[in-house]
Amino acid sequence: MGTHYITEDCINCGACDDICPVDAISEKGEIHVIDQELCTDCGICDDVCPVDVIMTG
């Protein structure tokens, strides 16, 4: 189960969604969210986020 999550400061650019190898990220309203059941904690999404709103914990 994943530990990465996206804060509400997300600008909805979709960079993380496009790069996720397991399709764990999707758009929900005005932001993107990470499905904790699908996330493998690879961290690729965190590397591409232009506003640094992907956290672990």
C-alpha atoms as a PDB file:
ATOM      1  CA  MET A   1       0.000   0.000   0.000  1.00  0.00           C
ATOM      2  CA  GLY A   2       1.322   3.438  -0.933  1.00  0.00           C
ATOM      3  CA  THR A   3       2.300   6.263   1.353  1.00  0.00           C
ATOM      4  CA  HIS A   4       2.549   9.042  -1.219  1.00  0.00           C
ATOM      5  CA  TYR A   5      -0.223  11.617  -1.317  1.00  0.00           C
ATOM      6  CA  ILE A   6      -0.930  14.920  -3.051  1.00  0.00           C
ATOM      7  CA  THR A   7      -1.764  18.018  -1.038  1.00  0.00           C
ATOM      8  CA  GLU A   8      -4.587  20.405  -1.870  1.00  0.00           C
ATOM      9  CA  ASP A   9      -2.009  22.840  -3.271  1.00  0.00           C
ATOM     10  CA  CYS A  10      -1.958  20.732  -6.463  1.00  0.00           C
ATOM     11  CA  ILE A  11      -2.221  22.892  -9.600  1.00  0.00           C
ATOM     12  CA  ASN A  12      -3.831  20.050 -11.583  1.00  0.00           C
ATOM     13  CA  CYS A  13      -1.135  20.048 -14.291  1.00  0.00           C
ATOM     14  CA  GLY A  14      -1.285  16.268 -14.770  1.00  0.00           C
ATOM     15  CA  ALA A  15       2.487  15.669 -14.882  1.00  0.00           C
ATOM     16  CA  CYS A  16       2.222  13.008 -12.184  1.00  0.00           C
ATOM     17  CA  ASP A  17      -0.748  11.304 -13.817  1.00  0.00           C
ATOM     18  CA  ASP A  18       1.093  10.968 -17.120  1.00  0.00           C
ATOM     19  CA  ILE A  19       4.210   9.411 -15.535  1.00  0.00           C
ATOM     20  CA  CYS A  20       2.714   6.960 -13.000  1.00  0.00           C
ATOM     21  CA  PRO A  21       3.670   3.415 -14.091  1.00  0.00           C
ATOM     22  CA  VAL A  22       0.727   1.769 -12.276  1.00  0.00           C
ATOM     23  CA  ASP A  23      -1.983   4.341 -13.087  1.00  0.00           C
ATOM     24  CA  ALA A  24      -2.498   5.129  -9.387  1.00  0.00           C
ATOM     25  CA  ILE A  25      -3.027   8.858  -9.988  1.00  0.00           C
ATOM     26  CA  SER A  26      -6.224  10.393 -11.275  1.00  0.00           C
ATOM     27  CA  GLU A  27      -7.958  13.743 -11.455  1.00  0.00           C
ATOM     28  CA  LYS A  28     -10.544  14.406  -8.763  1.00  0.00           C
ATOM     29  CA  GLY A  29     -12.205  17.765  -9.027  1.00  0.00           C
ATOM     30  CA  GLU A  30      -9.597  20.522  -9.079  1.00  0.00           C
ATOM     31  CA  ILE A  31      -6.625  18.335  -8.027  1.00  0.00           C
ATOM     32  CA  HIS A  32      -5.040  14.959  -8.667  1.00  0.00           C
ATOM     33  CA  VAL A  33      -5.139  12.168  -6.090  1.00  0.00           C
ATOM     34  CA  ILE A  34      -3.174   8.959  -5.523  1.00  0.00           C
ATOM     35  CA  ASP A  35      -5.001   5.666  -5.044  1.00  0.00           C
ATOM     36  CA  GLN A  36      -3.237   4.180  -2.011  1.00  0.00           C
ATOM     37  CA  GLU A  37      -4.220   0.640  -3.021  1.00  0.00           C
ATOM     38  CA  LEU A  38      -2.439   0.941  -6.383  1.00  0.00           C
ATOM     39  CA  CYS A  39       0.559   3.101  -5.423  1.00  0.00           C
ATOM     40  CA  THR A  40       3.863   1.199  -5.206  1.00  0.00           C
ATOM     41  CA  ASP A  41       5.797   4.130  -3.646  1.00  0.00           C
ATOM     42  CA  CYS A  42       8.197   4.332  -6.579  1.00  0.00           C
ATOM     43  CA  GLY A  43       8.463   8.127  -6.148  1.00  0.00           C
ATOM     44  CA  ILE A  44       8.468   8.981  -9.834  1.00  0.00           C
ATOM     45  CA  CYS A  45       5.481  11.296  -9.365  1.00  0.00           C
ATOM     46  CA  ASP A  46       7.332  13.270  -6.692  1.00  0.00           C
ATOM     47  CA  ASP A  47      10.280  13.726  -9.047  1.00  0.00           C
ATOM     48  CA  VAL A  48       8.158  15.305 -11.809  1.00  0.00           C
ATOM     49  CA  CYS A  49       5.833  17.489  -9.724  1.00  0.00           C
ATOM     50  CA  PRO A  50       6.607  21.129 -10.656  1.00  0.00           C
ATOM     51  CA  VAL A  51       5.118  22.557  -7.443  1.00  0.00           C
ATOM     52  CA  ASP A  52       6.407  19.946  -4.947  1.00  0.00           C
ATOM     53  CA  VAL A  53       3.014  18.959  -3.504  1.00  0.00           C
ATOM     54  CA  ILE A  54       3.516  15.173  -3.449  1.00  0.00           C
ATOM     55  CA  MET A  55       4.384  14.031   0.052  1.00  0.00           C
ATOM     56  CA  THR A  56       5.057  10.763   1.852  1.00  0.00           C
ATOM     57  CA  GLY A  57       3.800   9.754   5.213  1.00  0.00           C
END
